[in-house]
Amino acid sequence: MKIVFVAALAAALGSSVAYAQSHNPAVKDPTVATTNHAAKGHNSFTEDQARGRIAKAGYTNIGKLTKNENGIWQGKAMKHGKSVTVALDYKGNVTVH
């Protein structure tokens, strides 16, 4: 009986993890929102993915990005001829500081 329960639990947990990984709306949503404040949280974007979303928001010359203690990617970029500090939160939102 214990083996059946453990097997069922393992199967349920495995499918939950697979579902969460394949249904991340921030990664699948091609639109990029801009917000006033970046949301703190575990950020699963890689630096290249963060760079791509920032570029989609209209920024160019995106410099090196670093992830801070709040899980937010930050770096310098250009928009409309001005240098700005941009950030990307775990939801995929771009903010300017």
C-alpha atoms as a PDB file:
ATOM      1  CA  MET A   1       0.000   0.000   0.000  1.00  0.00           C
ATOM      2  CA  LYS A   2       2.825   2.417   0.869  1.00  0.00           C
ATOM      3  CA  ILE A   3       4.543   1.809  -2.468  1.00  0.00           C
ATOM      4  CA  VAL A   4       1.357   2.619  -4.393  1.00  0.00           C
ATOM      5  CA  PHE A   5       0.891   5.849  -2.412  1.00  0.00           C
ATOM      6  CA  VAL A   6       4.512   6.917  -2.934  1.00  0.00           C
ATOM      7  CA  ALA A   7       4.286   6.164  -6.664  1.00  0.00           C
ATOM      8  CA  ALA A   8       1.046   8.145  -6.985  1.00  0.00           C
ATOM      9  CA  LEU A   9       2.525  11.070  -5.050  1.00  0.00           C
ATOM     10  CA  ALA A  10       5.665  11.075  -7.200  1.00  0.00           C
ATOM     11  CA  ALA A  11       3.579  11.037 -10.383  1.00  0.00           C
ATOM     12  CA  ALA A  12       1.417  13.916  -9.141  1.00  0.00           C
ATOM     13  CA  LEU A  13       4.409  16.022  -8.137  1.00  0.00           C
ATOM     14  CA  GLY A  14       6.173  15.332 -11.410  1.00  0.00           C
ATOM     15  CA  SER A  15       3.191  16.439 -13.462  1.00  0.00           C
ATOM     16  CA  SER A  16       2.775  19.582 -11.322  1.00  0.00           C
ATOM     17  CA  VAL A  17       6.389  20.588 -11.910  1.00  0.00           C
ATOM     18  CA  ALA A  18       6.110  19.903 -15.638  1.00  0.00           C
ATOM     19  CA  TYR A  19       2.892  21.926 -15.798  1.00  0.00           C
ATOM     20  CA  ALA A  20       4.467  24.891 -13.987  1.00  0.00           C
ATOM     21  CA  GLN A  21       7.527  24.866 -16.232  1.00  0.00           C
ATOM     22  CA  SER A  22       5.547  24.635 -19.461  1.00  0.00           C
ATOM     23  CA  HIS A  23       2.929  27.205 -18.452  1.00  0.00           C
ATOM     24  CA  ASN A  24       5.024  30.190 -17.394  1.00  0.00           C
ATOM     25  CA  PRO A  25       2.970  33.091 -18.787  1.00  0.00           C
ATOM     26  CA  ALA A  26       5.877  35.523 -18.600  1.00  0.00           C
ATOM     27  CA  VAL A  27       8.002  33.411 -20.923  1.00  0.00           C
ATOM     28  CA  LYS A  28       5.205  32.507 -23.350  1.00  0.00           C
ATOM     29  CA  ASP A  29       3.693  35.999 -23.608  1.00  0.00           C
ATOM     30  CA  PRO A  30       5.470  37.842 -26.447  1.00  0.00           C
ATOM     31  CA  THR A  31       4.176  41.249 -25.318  1.00  0.00           C
ATOM     32  CA  VAL A  32       6.320  43.297 -22.996  1.00  0.00           C
ATOM     33  CA  ALA A  33       4.726  45.559 -20.420  1.00  0.00           C
ATOM     34  CA  THR A  34       6.411  48.509 -18.796  1.00  0.00           C
ATOM     35  CA  THR A  35       5.701  49.291 -15.159  1.00  0.00           C
ATOM     36  CA  ASN A  36       6.710  51.899 -12.610  1.00  0.00           C
ATOM     37  CA  HIS A  37       8.105  49.374 -10.127  1.00  0.00           C
ATOM     38  CA  ALA A  38       9.747  46.017 -10.719  1.00  0.00           C
ATOM     39  CA  ALA A  39       8.234  43.116  -8.788  1.00  0.00           C
ATOM     40  CA  LYS A  40      10.534  41.286  -6.389  1.00  0.00           C
ATOM     41  CA  GLY A  41      10.659  37.531  -6.775  1.00  0.00           C
ATOM     42  CA  HIS A  42      12.541  34.524  -8.072  1.00  0.00           C
ATOM     43  CA  ASN A  43      13.516  35.384 -11.641  1.00  0.00           C
ATOM     44  CA  SER A  44      13.851  32.438 -14.020  1.00  0.00           C
ATOM     45  CA  PHE A  45      14.855  34.532 -17.046  1.00  0.00           C
ATOM     46  CA  THR A  46      18.399  34.045 -18.286  1.00  0.00           C
ATOM     47  CA  GLU A  47      20.453  37.135 -19.088  1.00  0.00           C
ATOM     48  CA  ASP A  48      19.887  36.561 -22.821  1.00  0.00           C
ATOM     49  CA  GLN A  49      16.119  36.231 -22.334  1.00  0.00           C
ATOM     50  CA  ALA A  50      16.087  39.409 -20.218  1.00  0.00           C
ATOM     51  CA  ARG A  51      18.079  41.226 -22.900  1.00  0.00           C
ATOM     52  CA  GLY A  52      15.595  40.099 -25.559  1.00  0.00           C
ATOM     53  CA  ARG A  53      12.559  41.319 -23.615  1.00  0.00           C
ATOM     54  CA  ILE A  54      14.234  44.672 -22.913  1.00  0.00           C
ATOM     55  CA  ALA A  55      15.022  45.015 -26.632  1.00  0.00           C
ATOM     56  CA  LYS A  56      11.367  44.218 -27.472  1.00  0.00           C
ATOM     57  CA  ALA A  57      10.393  47.144 -25.243  1.00  0.00           C
ATOM     58  CA  GLY A  58      12.347  49.430 -27.597  1.00  0.00           C
ATOM     59  CA  TYR A  59      15.722  49.716 -25.864  1.00  0.00           C
ATOM     60  CA  THR A  60      19.015  49.478 -27.740  1.00  0.00           C
ATOM     61  CA  ASN A  61      22.696  49.211 -26.818  1.00  0.00           C
ATOM     62  CA  ILE A  62      21.793  47.076 -23.821  1.00  0.00           C
ATOM     63  CA  GLY A  63      24.869  46.681 -21.650  1.00  0.00           C
ATOM     64  CA  LYS A  64      25.775  43.892 -19.245  1.00  0.00           C
ATOM     65  CA  LEU A  65      22.814  42.863 -17.110  1.00  0.00           C
ATOM     66  CA  THR A  66      23.166  41.723 -13.524  1.00  0.00           C
ATOM     67  CA  LYS A  67      20.540  40.118 -11.308  1.00  0.00           C
ATOM     68  CA  ASN A  68      20.206  41.902  -7.958  1.00  0.00           C
ATOM     69  CA  GLU A  69      19.237  40.458  -4.565  1.00  0.00           C
ATOM     70  CA  ASN A  70      15.529  40.967  -5.372  1.00  0.00           C
ATOM     71  CA  GLY A  71      15.722  38.801  -8.508  1.00  0.00           C
ATOM     72  CA  ILE A  72      15.589  41.780 -10.878  1.00  0.00           C
ATOM     73  CA  TRP A  73      17.838  42.022 -13.938  1.00  0.00           C
ATOM     74  CA  GLN A  74      19.363  45.520 -14.248  1.00  0.00           C
ATOM     75  CA  GLY A  75      21.644  47.304 -16.661  1.00  0.00           C
ATOM     76  CA  LYS A  76      22.201  50.331 -18.876  1.00  0.00           C
ATOM     77  CA  ALA A  77      20.487  50.798 -22.225  1.00  0.00           C
ATOM     78  CA  MET A  78      19.533  53.541 -24.675  1.00  0.00           C
ATOM     79  CA  LYS A  79      16.102  54.801 -25.685  1.00  0.00           C
ATOM     80  CA  HIS A  80      15.327  57.931 -27.701  1.00  0.00           C
ATOM     81  CA  GLY A  81      19.005  58.880 -27.571  1.00  0.00           C
ATOM     82  CA  LYS A  82      19.194  58.822 -23.759  1.00  0.00           C
ATOM     83  CA  SER A  83      21.081  56.431 -21.504  1.00  0.00           C
ATOM     84  CA  VAL A  84      18.826  54.872 -18.863  1.00  0.00           C
ATOM     85  CA  THR A  85      18.981  52.126 -16.276  1.00  0.00           C
ATOM     86  CA  VAL A  86      16.489  49.406 -17.161  1.00  0.00           C
ATOM     87  CA  ALA A  87      15.228  46.501 -15.119  1.00  0.00           C
ATOM     88  CA  LEU A  88      13.331  43.312 -15.866  1.00  0.00           C
ATOM     89  CA  ASP A  89      11.330  41.579 -13.131  1.00  0.00           C
ATOM     90  CA  TYR A  90      10.314  37.940 -12.840  1.00  0.00           C
ATOM     91  CA  LYS A  91       6.992  38.692 -14.576  1.00  0.00           C
ATOM     92  CA  GLY A  92       8.816  39.955 -17.671  1.00  0.00           C
ATOM     93  CA  ASN A  93       7.951  43.617 -17.062  1.00  0.00           C
ATOM     94  CA  VAL A  94      10.461  46.320 -17.985  1.00  0.00           C
ATOM     95  CA  THR A  95      11.014  49.348 -15.769  1.00  0.00           C
ATOM     96  CA  VAL A  96      13.271  52.389 -16.006  1.00  0.00           C
ATOM     97  CA  HIS A  97      15.123  53.737 -12.984  1.00  0.00           C
END
